[in-house]
């Protein structure tokens, strides 16, 4: 490497003691904020950890079969439509049906004379001759069955009080077996994520499993045992975000910035959800599942479950916008380190506004798609739009969309501002011409830190050295 006047303006000197002090101070500030919050969250999680006891819960499982009744699987060989009188229901036939199991007209009530029913001759997976399975009328009408379908059916042939001689249906359709399609989609999803995002995508998938573990082992049992729903949702969601962000994106100032923005958006969402649940009187009366849970245990609060759901539903999108904004600030700075904080914030917010617009649509259409059957029913009622949107059937989805959108929209400028302040404090500024005097060569240690390799002729590295310089700045910021 040349000396004296041979240095170009793109060389990067070793950070000054002032720059190193500023970087260390910013990292300590981030750690000083996040470490106590993390510790407080973990302590609250330990104190609120559910016992797992199901004492006092009275819920009859629809899959708890009566003596002699089994759930079998098989593949349909052929489908026929015949008279429903081919299968009649005799007194005592219901004794073989599990509690709460809706088996349709085939077993729930006597078929009307002259009506047609659908029968599927099914080869059992456990072997044996094909059996004649009665298909529920709603399934036959809405989706239908065909040869080659794998189904799960109720085997009443050996149930007490039911016999073929009585003419009772011996085999009743329960559900389709969807194992292979779901496994295929899951594998395809994992392959696509890993192929595009590589190791970071793999870590994200593993983090997703950890998030579901927190949901299943902590939040759901806590709701069943009557833990405070707002605190339960905040603690569980914060633990999930801490684990997911750091595991997928690594420990860095960039990730810590996104986590701070996520916590802010989470707090806003929780406050709005708590207010909206009470102000809008969300009682879950329009949901059959909520009505079922209300009778399960006196500890279960349907309003509390709705409140917790409002907070959890926005986690994924909130995480998306905060990590994107944090990364956008870092990428913009790496392209132009001399940009002022005001300009950097303005540029990042232009990206954030586009993200806000697209994310609002994402949330609205996601909830609309999930509630499509309800939307169709409400449309057929021909009710005024205002009455429909504020009805028990739709109000929860509307409030979920609004609460989640407000939280993520406010999280974007906050995350951007924090990221700008951190990156300007921890980043290594590009030197100006006057910053290097004659006969002041850049320190070799700085070159090693920044990853810049000067050409042998001493000329400016130019664009060819930009990637290495960019990696060097990232490595320096992580140090």
Protein backbone atom coordinates (compact mmCIF):
# COMPACT_ATOMS: atom_id res chain seq x y z
CA UNK A 1 0.00 0.00 0.00
CA UNK A 2 1.37 3.44 -0.98
CA UNK A 3 2.19 6.21 1.44
CA UNK A 4 2.13 9.98 1.45
CA UNK A 5 -0.21 11.59 -1.13
CA UNK A 6 -1.16 8.31 -2.79
CA UNK A 7 -4.20 7.83 -0.54
CA UNK A 8 -7.64 8.27 -2.04
CA UNK A 9 -10.69 9.76 -0.37
CA UNK A 10 -12.33 6.33 -0.08
CA UNK A 11 -9.83 5.00 2.42
CA UNK A 12 -11.21 4.38 5.91
CA UNK A 13 -9.15 5.35 8.91
CA UNK A 14 -9.41 3.61 12.21
CA UNK A 15 -12.35 4.95 14.25
CA UNK A 16 -11.39 7.77 16.54
CA UNK A 17 -11.63 7.34 20.30
CA UNK A 18 -14.64 9.65 20.22
CA UNK A 19 -16.39 7.43 17.64
CA UNK A 20 -15.62 4.29 19.63
CA UNK A 21 -16.91 5.94 22.79
CA UNK A 22 -20.12 6.99 21.04
CA UNK A 23 -20.62 3.47 19.69
CA UNK A 24 -20.03 1.91 23.09
CA UNK A 25 -22.36 4.40 24.72
CA UNK A 26 -25.17 3.67 22.25
CA UNK A 27 -24.79 -0.09 22.73
CA UNK A 28 -24.85 0.36 26.50
CA UNK A 29 -28.00 2.46 26.25
CA UNK A 30 -29.72 -0.26 24.19
CA UNK A 31 -28.59 -2.92 26.63
CA UNK A 32 -29.60 -0.77 29.59
CA UNK A 33 -33.15 -0.52 28.23
CA UNK A 34 -33.64 -4.05 26.90
CA UNK A 35 -31.89 -6.06 29.61
CA UNK A 36 -34.17 -4.91 32.49
CA UNK A 37 -37.26 -5.30 30.30
CA UNK A 38 -36.21 -8.81 29.34
CA UNK A 39 -35.45 -9.75 32.94
CA UNK A 40 -38.75 -8.30 34.13
CA UNK A 41 -40.62 -10.21 31.42
CA UNK A 42 -38.98 -13.52 32.32
CA UNK A 43 -39.69 -13.02 36.03
CA UNK A 44 -43.34 -12.26 35.25
CA UNK A 45 -43.48 -15.35 33.08
CA UNK A 46 -42.15 -17.54 35.87
CA UNK A 47 -44.60 -16.07 38.38
CA UNK A 48 -47.54 -16.50 36.02
CA UNK A 49 -46.61 -19.93 34.72
CA UNK A 50 -49.79 -22.07 34.70
CA UNK A 51 -50.03 -25.15 36.84
CA UNK A 52 -51.49 -27.24 34.06
CA UNK A 53 -54.32 -28.47 36.24
CA UNK A 54 -57.66 -29.07 34.53
CA UNK A 55 -59.63 -29.36 37.72
CA UNK A 56 -63.15 -28.00 37.41
CA UNK A 57 -63.16 -28.18 33.62
CA UNK A 58 -66.13 -30.03 32.17
CA UNK A 59 -65.76 -30.49 28.45
CA UNK A 60 -66.88 -33.61 26.66
CA UNK A 61 -64.49 -34.37 23.83
CA UNK A 62 -66.24 -35.18 20.53
CA UNK A 63 -63.46 -37.70 19.87
CA UNK A 64 -64.02 -39.71 23.04
CA UNK A 65 -65.76 -42.77 21.63
CA UNK A 66 -68.24 -44.92 23.50
CA UNK A 67 -67.37 -48.54 24.35
CA UNK A 68 -66.88 -50.54 21.17
CA UNK A 69 -66.72 -47.48 18.92
CA UNK A 70 -63.53 -46.71 17.00
CA UNK A 71 -62.30 -44.04 14.60
CA UNK A 72 -60.93 -45.76 11.51
CA UNK A 73 -59.38 -44.50 8.29
CA UNK A 74 -59.60 -45.77 4.75
CA UNK A 75 -59.56 -44.93 1.04
CA UNK A 76 -62.78 -44.53 -0.92
CA UNK A 77 -63.13 -47.04 -3.77
CA UNK A 78 -66.40 -45.81 -5.24
CA UNK A 79 -69.27 -43.46 -4.41
CA UNK A 80 -72.94 -44.19 -4.94
CA UNK A 81 -76.14 -42.24 -4.33
CA UNK A 82 -79.12 -44.24 -3.13
CA UNK A 83 -82.23 -44.10 -1.06
CA UNK A 84 -81.69 -43.03 2.52
CA UNK A 85 -84.08 -45.79 3.60
CA UNK A 86 -81.25 -48.21 2.88
CA UNK A 87 -79.95 -47.08 6.27
CA UNK A 88 -82.53 -46.55 8.97
CA UNK A 89 -82.03 -45.45 12.54
CA UNK A 90 -83.43 -47.60 15.28
CA UNK A 91 -83.81 -46.67 18.95
CA UNK A 92 -80.50 -46.92 20.76
CA UNK A 93 -78.43 -46.02 17.71
CA UNK A 94 -77.21 -42.84 19.34
CA UNK A 95 -75.60 -44.76 22.18
CA UNK A 96 -72.66 -45.52 19.94
CA UNK A 97 -72.03 -41.96 18.79
CA UNK A 98 -69.49 -39.94 20.79
CA UNK A 99 -70.80 -37.01 22.77
CA UNK A 100 -70.98 -33.88 20.67
CA UNK A 101 -70.30 -35.69 17.39
CA UNK A 102 -72.52 -34.40 14.61
CA UNK A 103 -73.03 -37.22 12.18
CA UNK A 104 -75.78 -35.61 10.14
CA UNK A 105 -79.00 -37.23 9.04
CA UNK A 106 -77.32 -40.59 8.76
CA UNK A 107 -77.30 -41.05 12.53
CA UNK A 108 -78.83 -37.94 14.05
CA UNK A 109 -82.37 -38.37 12.77
CA UNK A 110 -84.44 -40.67 10.65
CA UNK A 111 -84.11 -39.88 6.93
CA UNK A 112 -87.20 -38.82 5.08
CA UNK A 113 -88.77 -41.31 2.72
CA UNK A 114 -87.80 -40.69 -0.89
CA UNK A 115 -84.68 -38.64 -0.10
CA UNK A 116 -81.26 -39.64 -1.41
CA UNK A 117 -78.09 -40.20 0.56
CA UNK A 118 -74.45 -40.54 -0.47
CA UNK A 119 -72.54 -43.70 0.37
CA UNK A 120 -68.81 -44.30 -0.01
CA UNK A 121 -67.51 -47.85 -0.28
CA UNK A 122 -64.24 -47.53 1.61
CA UNK A 123 -61.30 -49.90 1.95
CA UNK A 124 -60.08 -49.78 5.58
CA UNK A 125 -56.42 -48.96 6.07
CA UNK A 126 -56.21 -51.71 8.68
CA UNK A 127 -57.32 -54.26 6.10
CA UNK A 128 -60.49 -56.17 5.43
CA UNK A 129 -63.44 -55.90 3.08
CA UNK A 130 -64.72 -52.49 1.94
CA UNK A 131 -67.32 -50.92 4.22
CA UNK A 132 -70.29 -48.73 3.33
CA UNK A 133 -69.73 -45.30 4.89
CA UNK A 134 -72.61 -42.86 5.14
CA UNK A 135 -71.53 -39.38 4.00
CA UNK A 136 -72.97 -36.40 5.86
CA UNK A 137 -75.47 -34.47 3.73
CA UNK A 138 -73.67 -31.15 4.24
CA UNK A 139 -70.35 -32.63 3.08
CA UNK A 140 -71.96 -34.34 0.10
CA UNK A 141 -73.57 -31.06 -0.94
CA UNK A 142 -70.77 -28.57 -0.29
CA UNK A 143 -67.63 -30.47 -1.27
CA UNK A 144 -68.54 -34.03 -2.13
CA UNK A 145 -66.39 -37.13 -1.99
CA UNK A 146 -64.77 -39.11 -4.78
CA UNK A 147 -62.84 -42.28 -5.34
CA UNK A 148 -59.30 -42.02 -4.00
CA UNK A 149 -60.15 -39.73 -1.08
CA UNK A 150 -58.76 -40.73 2.29
CA UNK A 151 -61.36 -40.33 5.02
CA UNK A 152 -61.82 -40.90 8.73
CA UNK A 153 -65.06 -42.58 9.74
CA UNK A 154 -66.86 -43.75 12.85
CA UNK A 155 -67.02 -47.52 13.18
CA UNK A 156 -70.21 -48.45 15.06
CA UNK A 157 -70.29 -52.08 13.96
CA UNK A 158 -69.24 -53.32 17.39
CA UNK A 159 -70.85 -50.61 19.50
CA UNK A 160 -73.21 -51.51 22.29
CA UNK A 161 -76.83 -51.08 21.26
CA UNK A 162 -76.06 -50.87 17.54
CA UNK A 163 -76.11 -53.79 15.17
CA UNK A 164 -76.51 -54.32 11.47
CA UNK A 165 -79.66 -56.35 12.12
CA UNK A 166 -81.32 -53.28 13.56
CA UNK A 167 -80.60 -51.38 10.34
CA UNK A 168 -78.57 -48.70 12.09
CA UNK A 169 -75.71 -47.08 10.15
CA UNK A 170 -72.54 -48.93 11.03
CA UNK A 171 -70.03 -46.57 9.42
CA UNK A 172 -70.41 -42.78 9.48
CA UNK A 173 -68.18 -40.20 7.83
CA UNK A 174 -66.25 -37.96 10.27
CA UNK A 175 -63.62 -36.04 8.29
CA UNK A 176 -61.09 -36.16 5.50
CA UNK A 177 -57.52 -37.29 6.18
CA UNK A 178 -55.35 -34.32 5.20
CA UNK A 179 -51.96 -35.52 6.44
CA UNK A 180 -50.17 -35.79 3.09
CA UNK A 181 -51.28 -32.43 1.61
CA UNK A 182 -50.37 -30.59 4.80
CA UNK A 183 -46.97 -32.31 5.03
CA UNK A 184 -46.30 -31.48 1.38
CA UNK A 185 -47.16 -27.79 1.87
CA UNK A 186 -45.10 -27.62 5.07
CA UNK A 187 -42.06 -29.13 3.36
CA UNK A 188 -42.51 -26.86 0.33
CA UNK A 189 -42.78 -23.83 2.61
CA UNK A 190 -39.63 -24.80 4.51
CA UNK A 191 -37.68 -25.45 1.29
CA UNK A 192 -38.70 -22.13 -0.25
CA UNK A 193 -37.90 -20.16 2.92
CA UNK A 194 -34.51 -21.82 3.38
CA UNK A 195 -33.62 -21.56 -0.32
CA UNK A 196 -34.29 -17.83 -0.40
CA UNK A 197 -33.36 -16.73 3.14
CA UNK A 198 -30.78 -19.49 3.73
CA UNK A 199 -29.59 -19.90 7.32
CA UNK A 200 -31.61 -16.94 8.48
CA UNK A 201 -34.73 -18.57 7.07
CA UNK A 202 -33.92 -21.82 8.87
CA UNK A 203 -33.45 -19.95 12.14
CA UNK A 204 -36.76 -18.18 11.58
CA UNK A 205 -38.55 -21.51 11.15
CA UNK A 206 -36.99 -22.86 14.33
CA UNK A 207 -37.96 -19.64 16.10
CA UNK A 208 -41.53 -20.11 14.90
CA UNK A 209 -41.63 -23.49 16.61
CA UNK A 210 -40.40 -21.86 19.80
CA UNK A 211 -43.11 -19.20 19.52
CA UNK A 212 -45.80 -21.84 19.24
CA UNK A 213 -44.29 -23.63 22.24
CA UNK A 214 -44.74 -20.45 24.32
CA UNK A 215 -48.29 -20.07 23.04
CA UNK A 216 -49.27 -23.67 23.81
CA UNK A 217 -47.44 -24.14 27.10
CA UNK A 218 -47.88 -20.68 28.65
CA UNK A 219 -50.56 -18.50 27.11
CA UNK A 220 -53.34 -20.99 26.38
CA UNK A 221 -53.18 -22.79 29.76
CA UNK A 222 -52.94 -19.39 31.46
CA UNK A 223 -56.19 -18.28 29.83
CA UNK A 224 -57.87 -21.51 30.91
CA UNK A 225 -56.75 -20.97 34.51
CA UNK A 226 -57.98 -17.37 34.55
CA UNK A 227 -54.65 -15.52 34.57
CA UNK A 228 -54.90 -11.75 33.85
CA UNK A 229 -55.35 -11.75 30.05
CA UNK A 230 -53.70 -8.38 29.35
CA UNK A 231 -50.58 -9.19 31.36
CA UNK A 232 -50.54 -12.74 30.01
CA UNK A 233 -50.66 -11.51 26.41
CA UNK A 234 -48.00 -8.84 26.97
CA UNK A 235 -45.58 -11.20 28.74
CA UNK A 236 -46.06 -14.07 26.30
CA UNK A 237 -45.88 -11.84 23.21
CA UNK A 238 -42.75 -10.08 24.47
CA UNK A 239 -40.99 -13.38 25.16
CA UNK A 240 -41.94 -14.59 21.68
CA UNK A 241 -40.62 -11.43 20.01
CA UNK A 242 -37.36 -11.48 21.97
CA UNK A 243 -36.72 -15.09 21.03
CA UNK A 244 -37.81 -14.80 17.40
CA UNK A 245 -35.94 -11.58 16.60
CA UNK A 246 -32.62 -12.45 18.19
CA UNK A 247 -32.67 -16.07 17.06
CA UNK A 248 -33.53 -15.24 13.45
CA UNK A 249 -31.53 -12.03 13.01
CA UNK A 250 -28.73 -12.38 15.54
CA UNK A 251 -27.55 -10.14 18.37
CA UNK A 252 -26.84 -6.71 16.94
CA UNK A 253 -27.77 -3.07 17.34
CA UNK A 254 -30.04 -3.45 14.33
CA UNK A 255 -32.03 -6.27 15.94
CA UNK A 256 -32.16 -4.48 19.29
CA UNK A 257 -33.56 -1.42 17.55
CA UNK A 258 -36.27 -3.50 15.90
CA UNK A 259 -37.07 -5.12 19.25
CA UNK A 260 -37.53 -1.73 20.92
CA UNK A 261 -39.87 -0.66 18.14
CA UNK A 262 -41.75 -3.94 18.43
CA UNK A 263 -42.19 -3.50 22.18
CA UNK A 264 -43.52 0.01 21.63
CA UNK A 265 -46.02 -1.19 19.02
CA UNK A 266 -46.99 -4.10 21.26
CA UNK A 267 -47.68 -1.75 24.17
CA UNK A 268 -49.85 0.51 21.99
CA UNK A 269 -51.74 -2.51 20.63
CA UNK A 270 -52.32 -3.90 24.13
CA UNK A 271 -53.65 -0.59 25.47
CA UNK A 272 -55.99 -0.14 22.51
CA UNK A 273 -57.13 -3.76 22.70
CA UNK A 274 -57.92 -3.44 26.41
CA UNK A 275 -59.91 -0.26 25.82
CA UNK A 276 -61.71 -1.58 22.72
CA UNK A 277 -62.68 -4.88 24.33
CA UNK A 278 -64.41 -3.02 27.15
CA UNK A 279 -65.78 -0.05 25.18
CA UNK A 280 -67.19 -2.20 22.38
CA UNK A 281 -68.47 -4.87 24.78
CA UNK A 282 -66.80 -7.74 22.95
CA UNK A 283 -68.35 -10.74 24.67
CA UNK A 284 -67.96 -13.38 21.97
CA UNK A 285 -71.68 -14.10 21.88
CA UNK A 286 -71.59 -14.49 18.11
CA UNK A 287 -69.18 -17.44 18.22
CA UNK A 288 -70.21 -21.02 18.80
CA UNK A 289 -66.72 -21.87 20.11
CA UNK A 290 -66.84 -19.00 22.59
CA UNK A 291 -70.24 -20.14 23.82
CA UNK A 292 -68.80 -23.63 24.33
CA UNK A 293 -65.84 -22.29 26.33
CA UNK A 294 -68.10 -20.15 28.48
CA UNK A 295 -69.68 -23.32 29.86
CA UNK A 296 -66.41 -25.18 30.36
CA UNK A 297 -65.06 -23.43 33.45
CA UNK A 298 -65.87 -20.45 35.64
CA UNK A 299 -62.23 -19.30 35.33
CA UNK A 300 -62.42 -18.78 31.57
CA UNK A 301 -63.22 -15.23 30.48
CA UNK A 302 -64.38 -14.93 26.89
CA UNK A 303 -63.65 -11.20 26.88
CA UNK A 304 -60.16 -11.99 28.17
CA UNK A 305 -59.61 -14.51 25.39
CA UNK A 306 -60.72 -11.95 22.81
CA UNK A 307 -58.37 -9.35 24.33
CA UNK A 308 -55.46 -11.77 24.21
CA UNK A 309 -56.34 -12.68 20.62
CA UNK A 310 -56.34 -9.02 19.56
CA UNK A 311 -52.76 -8.69 20.79
CA UNK A 312 -51.43 -11.99 19.43
CA UNK A 313 -52.95 -11.51 15.98
CA UNK A 314 -50.75 -8.49 15.24
CA UNK A 315 -47.41 -9.98 16.29
CA UNK A 316 -46.32 -11.26 12.90
CA UNK A 317 -47.03 -8.07 10.98
CA UNK A 318 -45.58 -5.90 13.77
CA UNK A 319 -42.36 -7.90 13.72
CA UNK A 320 -42.29 -7.57 9.94
CA UNK A 321 -42.51 -3.77 9.82
CA UNK A 322 -40.06 -3.11 12.65
CA UNK A 323 -37.26 -5.36 11.39
CA UNK A 324 -37.81 -4.04 7.86
CA UNK A 325 -37.56 -0.42 8.97
CA UNK A 326 -34.48 -1.10 11.06
CA UNK A 327 -32.80 -2.87 8.16
CA UNK A 328 -33.82 -0.08 5.77
CA UNK A 329 -32.08 2.53 7.91
CA UNK A 330 -28.88 0.48 8.07
CA UNK A 331 -28.89 -0.22 4.32
CA UNK A 332 -29.50 3.45 3.48
CA UNK A 333 -26.70 4.51 5.77
CA UNK A 334 -24.27 1.99 4.33
CA UNK A 335 -24.93 3.37 0.84
CA UNK A 336 -24.40 6.97 1.99
CA UNK A 337 -22.72 7.21 5.40
CA UNK A 338 -22.38 10.99 5.11
CA UNK A 339 -26.20 11.43 5.08
CA UNK A 340 -27.48 13.56 7.94
CA UNK A 341 -29.83 12.12 10.54
CA UNK A 342 -32.74 14.20 9.22
CA UNK A 343 -32.21 13.05 5.64
CA UNK A 344 -31.75 9.44 6.73
CA UNK A 345 -35.01 9.52 8.71
CA UNK A 346 -36.88 11.09 5.78
CA UNK A 347 -35.58 8.47 3.33
CA UNK A 348 -36.42 5.57 5.63
CA UNK A 349 -39.90 6.94 6.29
CA UNK A 350 -40.60 7.03 2.54
CA UNK A 351 -40.02 3.29 2.62
CA UNK A 352 -42.10 3.04 5.79
CA UNK A 353 -45.07 4.82 4.23
CA UNK A 354 -45.13 2.34 1.36
CA UNK A 355 -44.92 -0.45 3.89
CA UNK A 356 -47.77 1.04 5.91
CA UNK A 357 -50.04 1.20 2.86
CA UNK A 358 -49.39 -2.39 1.83
CA UNK A 359 -49.58 -3.74 5.38
CA UNK A 360 -52.96 -2.16 6.02
CA UNK A 361 -54.30 -4.04 3.02
CA UNK A 362 -52.58 -7.22 4.20
CA UNK A 363 -54.28 -7.18 7.60
CA UNK A 364 -57.69 -6.19 6.26
CA UNK A 365 -57.77 -8.82 3.53
CA UNK A 366 -56.36 -11.53 5.79
CA UNK A 367 -59.19 -11.06 8.28
CA UNK A 368 -61.77 -10.66 5.51
CA UNK A 369 -60.69 -13.97 4.01
CA UNK A 370 -60.91 -15.73 7.36
CA UNK A 371 -64.40 -14.31 7.97
CA UNK A 372 -65.71 -14.88 4.45
CA UNK A 373 -68.58 -17.23 5.44
CA UNK A 374 -69.77 -14.69 8.01
CA UNK A 375 -69.53 -11.89 5.46
CA UNK A 376 -71.70 -13.83 3.03
CA UNK A 377 -74.32 -14.54 5.69
CA UNK A 378 -74.41 -10.89 6.74
CA UNK A 379 -74.75 -9.85 3.09
CA UNK A 380 -77.69 -12.19 2.60
CA UNK A 381 -79.39 -10.63 5.63
CA UNK A 382 -79.43 -7.35 3.67
CA UNK A 383 -78.66 -5.35 6.79
CA UNK A 384 -77.38 -1.76 6.60
CA UNK A 385 -73.58 -1.60 6.34
CA UNK A 386 -73.20 0.20 9.67
CA UNK A 387 -75.31 -2.37 11.48
CA UNK A 388 -73.40 -5.23 9.86
CA UNK A 389 -69.94 -3.90 10.76
CA UNK A 390 -70.93 -3.29 14.37
CA UNK A 391 -72.79 -6.58 14.78
CA UNK A 392 -71.62 -9.36 17.08
CA UNK A 393 -70.59 -11.40 14.04
CA UNK A 394 -68.23 -8.83 12.51
CA UNK A 395 -67.30 -6.33 15.22
CA UNK A 396 -64.48 -8.48 16.60
CA UNK A 397 -62.81 -8.77 13.18
CA UNK A 398 -63.25 -5.04 12.51
CA UNK A 399 -61.72 -4.09 15.86
CA UNK A 400 -58.93 -6.62 15.39
CA UNK A 401 -58.03 -4.98 12.08
CA UNK A 402 -58.16 -1.43 13.47
CA UNK A 403 -56.24 -2.14 16.67
CA UNK A 404 -53.51 -4.08 14.91
CA UNK A 405 -53.17 -1.44 12.20
CA UNK A 406 -52.81 1.45 14.68
CA UNK A 407 -50.10 -0.40 16.60
CA UNK A 408 -47.98 -1.23 13.58
CA UNK A 409 -48.41 2.21 11.96
CA UNK A 410 -47.15 3.98 15.10
CA UNK A 411 -44.32 1.47 15.48
CA UNK A 412 -42.83 2.42 12.10
CA UNK A 413 -41.78 6.04 12.83
CA UNK A 414 -40.65 5.12 16.35
CA UNK A 415 -38.51 2.25 15.07
CA UNK A 416 -37.12 4.45 12.30
CA UNK A 417 -36.18 7.21 14.73
CA UNK A 418 -34.46 4.81 17.13
CA UNK A 419 -32.60 3.17 14.24
CA UNK A 420 -31.37 6.53 12.91
CA UNK A 421 -30.11 7.59 16.33
CA UNK A 422 -28.35 4.27 16.89
CA UNK A 423 -26.79 4.02 13.44
CA UNK A 424 -25.46 7.57 13.57
CA UNK A 425 -23.97 6.90 16.99
CA UNK A 426 -22.50 3.45 16.28
CA UNK A 427 -21.65 3.76 12.60
CA UNK A 428 -18.23 4.64 11.19
CA UNK A 429 -18.45 7.84 9.19
CA UNK A 430 -16.92 8.06 5.74
CA UNK A 431 -13.91 10.41 5.97
CA UNK A 432 -13.81 13.65 4.01
CA UNK A 433 -10.80 14.83 2.00
CA UNK A 434 -9.65 17.17 4.71
CA UNK A 435 -9.78 14.37 7.22
CA UNK A 436 -6.58 12.84 5.80
CA UNK A 437 -3.54 14.97 5.69
CA UNK A 438 -0.46 14.38 3.61
CA UNK A 439 1.70 11.65 4.93
CA UNK A 440 -1.07 10.22 7.14
CA UNK A 441 -1.62 6.63 5.98
CA UNK A 442 -4.66 4.75 7.13
CA UNK A 443 -3.86 2.36 9.93
CA UNK A 444 -3.61 -1.30 8.85
CA UNK A 445 -5.89 -2.25 11.74
CA UNK A 446 -8.61 -0.03 10.27
CA UNK A 447 -8.22 -1.73 6.91
CA UNK A 448 -8.57 -5.11 8.51
CA UNK A 449 -11.65 -3.97 10.45
CA UNK A 450 -13.35 -2.53 7.40
CA UNK A 451 -12.32 -5.33 5.09
CA UNK A 452 -11.01 -2.92 2.44
CA UNK A 453 -8.19 -4.14 0.25
CA UNK A 454 -6.37 -1.37 -1.66
CA UNK A 455 -5.00 -2.13 -5.14
CA UNK A 456 -1.30 -2.57 -5.54
CA UNK A 457 -0.95 0.63 -7.61
CA UNK A 458 -2.35 2.75 -4.79
CA UNK A 459 -5.27 4.13 -6.79
CA UNK A 460 -8.83 4.41 -5.47
CA UNK A 461 -10.49 1.02 -5.08
CA UNK A 462 -13.65 2.40 -6.66
CA UNK A 463 -16.76 0.38 -7.07
CA UNK A 464 -14.93 -2.91 -6.96
CA UNK A 465 -14.03 -2.34 -3.31
CA UNK A 466 -17.50 -1.23 -2.26
CA UNK A 467 -18.79 -4.69 -1.27
CA UNK A 468 -15.79 -5.33 0.94
CA UNK A 469 -16.10 -1.89 2.49
CA UNK A 470 -19.78 -2.50 3.17
CA UNK A 471 -19.05 -5.78 4.89
CA UNK A 472 -16.34 -4.04 6.86
CA UNK A 473 -18.72 -1.37 8.09
CA UNK A 474 -21.23 -4.08 9.15
CA UNK A 475 -18.51 -5.97 11.01
CA UNK A 476 -17.36 -2.79 12.68
CA UNK A 477 -20.86 -1.88 13.80
CA UNK A 478 -21.39 -5.32 15.29
CA UNK A 479 -18.16 -5.09 17.25
